[in-house]
Amino acid sequence: MDPPNQTANWDGLSDSLWGGLDQHPALQLAIVWPGHAGMRAHSPDDHAIAMEILEELTRTLGDPELTCGRPKQVAVILA
């Protein structure tokens, strides 16, 4: 971005992840988050928000009503 975004846009991240994964043809998906422990150690509040987004993502993408009858199984792997 020009200029670079200096603030976390959590709603944008959530919307982007949901939209992209909802449109993906696979019904089983995995999100791998390497280095999450560093964020947890250095920015625990942001880490907690990101975890909430991922938890909501797995729940809502698994809901047949919210996915127009094409629910997805989403695994989040913290590496």
C-alpha atoms as a PDB file:
ATOM      1  CA  MET A   1       0.000   0.000   0.000  1.00  0.00           C
ATOM      2  CA  ASP A   2       1.149   3.508  -0.677  1.00  0.00           C
ATOM      3  CA  PRO A   3       1.276   4.888   1.915  1.00  0.00           C
ATOM      4  CA  PRO A   4       1.650   1.750   4.046  1.00  0.00           C
ATOM      5  CA  ASN A   5      -1.248   0.979   6.357  1.00  0.00           C
ATOM      6  CA  GLN A   6       0.024   1.605   9.875  1.00  0.00           C
ATOM      7  CA  THR A   7      -3.026   0.199  11.677  1.00  0.00           C
ATOM      8  CA  ALA A   8      -4.424  -3.302  11.834  1.00  0.00           C
ATOM      9  CA  ASN A   9      -7.551  -3.639   9.729  1.00  0.00           C
ATOM     10  CA  TRP A  10      -9.124  -6.634  11.428  1.00  0.00           C
ATOM     11  CA  ASP A  11     -12.484  -6.291   9.659  1.00  0.00           C
ATOM     12  CA  GLY A  12     -10.716  -6.215   6.319  1.00  0.00           C
ATOM     13  CA  LEU A  13      -8.713  -9.317   7.186  1.00  0.00           C
ATOM     14  CA  SER A  14     -11.818 -11.155   8.345  1.00  0.00           C
ATOM     15  CA  ASP A  15     -13.819 -10.209   5.252  1.00  0.00           C
ATOM     16  CA  SER A  16     -10.963 -11.087   2.916  1.00  0.00           C
ATOM     17  CA  LEU A  17     -10.345 -14.497   4.487  1.00  0.00           C
ATOM     18  CA  TRP A  18     -14.058 -15.366   4.585  1.00  0.00           C
ATOM     19  CA  GLY A  19     -14.726 -14.295   1.013  1.00  0.00           C
ATOM     20  CA  GLY A  20     -11.668 -16.042  -0.399  1.00  0.00           C
ATOM     21  CA  LEU A  21     -12.225 -19.297   1.455  1.00  0.00           C
ATOM     22  CA  ASP A  22     -15.973 -19.311   0.811  1.00  0.00           C
ATOM     23  CA  GLN A  23     -15.300 -19.066  -2.931  1.00  0.00           C
ATOM     24  CA  HIS A  24     -12.570 -21.717  -2.901  1.00  0.00           C
ATOM     25  CA  PRO A  25     -13.814 -24.957  -4.491  1.00  0.00           C
ATOM     26  CA  ALA A  26     -12.370 -27.248  -1.790  1.00  0.00           C
ATOM     27  CA  LEU A  27     -14.657 -28.268   1.044  1.00  0.00           C
ATOM     28  CA  GLN A  28     -11.779 -28.981   3.432  1.00  0.00           C
ATOM     29  CA  LEU A  29      -9.179 -26.279   4.008  1.00  0.00           C
ATOM     30  CA  ALA A  30      -6.270 -25.609   6.342  1.00  0.00           C
ATOM     31  CA  ILE A  31      -4.822 -22.313   7.475  1.00  0.00           C
ATOM     32  CA  VAL A  32      -1.238 -22.602   8.712  1.00  0.00           C
ATOM     33  CA  TRP A  33      -0.009 -19.742  10.895  1.00  0.00           C
ATOM     34  CA  PRO A  34       3.741 -20.112  11.399  1.00  0.00           C
ATOM     35  CA  GLY A  35       5.280 -17.945  14.072  1.00  0.00           C
ATOM     36  CA  HIS A  36       2.017 -17.168  15.870  1.00  0.00           C
ATOM     37  CA  ALA A  37       3.828 -17.497  19.210  1.00  0.00           C
ATOM     38  CA  GLY A  38       5.957 -14.455  18.392  1.00  0.00           C
ATOM     39  CA  MET A  39       2.861 -12.348  17.875  1.00  0.00           C
ATOM     40  CA  ARG A  40       1.348 -13.737  21.062  1.00  0.00           C
ATOM     41  CA  ALA A  41       4.490 -12.786  23.002  1.00  0.00           C
ATOM     42  CA  HIS A  42       4.975  -9.316  21.506  1.00  0.00           C
ATOM     43  CA  SER A  43       1.383  -8.259  20.867  1.00  0.00           C
ATOM     44  CA  PRO A  44      -1.009 -10.373  22.942  1.00  0.00           C
ATOM     45  CA  ASP A  45      -4.019  -8.138  22.282  1.00  0.00           C
ATOM     46  CA  ASP A  46      -3.581  -8.390  18.506  1.00  0.00           C
ATOM     47  CA  HIS A  47      -2.968 -12.119  18.813  1.00  0.00           C
ATOM     48  CA  ALA A  48      -6.235 -12.516  20.720  1.00  0.00           C
ATOM     49  CA  ILE A  49      -8.131 -10.589  18.043  1.00  0.00           C
ATOM     50  CA  ALA A  50      -6.586 -12.705  15.282  1.00  0.00           C
ATOM     51  CA  MET A  51      -7.519 -15.891  17.145  1.00  0.00           C
ATOM     52  CA  GLU A  52     -11.107 -14.667  17.512  1.00  0.00           C
ATOM     53  CA  ILE A  53     -11.239 -14.004  13.771  1.00  0.00           C
ATOM     54  CA  LEU A  54      -9.953 -17.499  12.998  1.00  0.00           C
ATOM     55  CA  GLU A  55     -12.400 -19.114  15.434  1.00  0.00           C
ATOM     56  CA  GLU A  56     -15.321 -17.214  13.917  1.00  0.00           C
ATOM     57  CA  LEU A  57     -14.087 -18.064  10.436  1.00  0.00           C
ATOM     58  CA  THR A  58     -14.084 -21.807  11.126  1.00  0.00           C
ATOM     59  CA  ARG A  59     -17.542 -21.608  12.714  1.00  0.00           C
ATOM     60  CA  THR A  60     -19.222 -19.495  10.047  1.00  0.00           C
ATOM     61  CA  LEU A  61     -17.683 -21.288   7.069  1.00  0.00           C
ATOM     62  CA  GLY A  62     -19.017 -24.514   8.557  1.00  0.00           C
ATOM     63  CA  ASP A  63     -22.571 -23.144   8.655  1.00  0.00           C
ATOM     64  CA  PRO A  64     -24.699 -24.369   5.712  1.00  0.00           C
ATOM     65  CA  GLU A  65     -26.985 -21.341   5.923  1.00  0.00           C
ATOM     66  CA  LEU A  66     -24.144 -18.834   5.717  1.00  0.00           C
ATOM     67  CA  THR A  67     -22.418 -20.707   2.890  1.00  0.00           C
ATOM     68  CA  CYS A  68     -25.500 -21.290   0.719  1.00  0.00           C
ATOM     69  CA  GLY A  69     -25.427 -25.039   1.357  1.00  0.00           C
ATOM     70  CA  ARG A  70     -21.678 -25.467   0.780  1.00  0.00           C
ATOM     71  CA  PRO A  71     -20.140 -25.560   4.258  1.00  0.00           C
ATOM     72  CA  LYS A  72     -16.415 -26.009   4.610  1.00  0.00           C
ATOM     73  CA  GLN A  73     -14.296 -27.729   7.198  1.00  0.00           C
ATOM     74  CA  VAL A  74     -11.496 -25.355   8.119  1.00  0.00           C
ATOM     75  CA  ALA A  75      -8.570 -26.362  10.311  1.00  0.00           C
ATOM     76  CA  VAL A  76      -6.258 -23.762  11.810  1.00  0.00           C
ATOM     77  CA  ILE A  77      -2.752 -25.017  12.489  1.00  0.00           C
ATOM     78  CA  LEU A  78      -0.629 -22.918  14.813  1.00  0.00           C
ATOM     79  CA  ALA A  79       2.977 -23.704  13.972  1.00  0.00           C
END
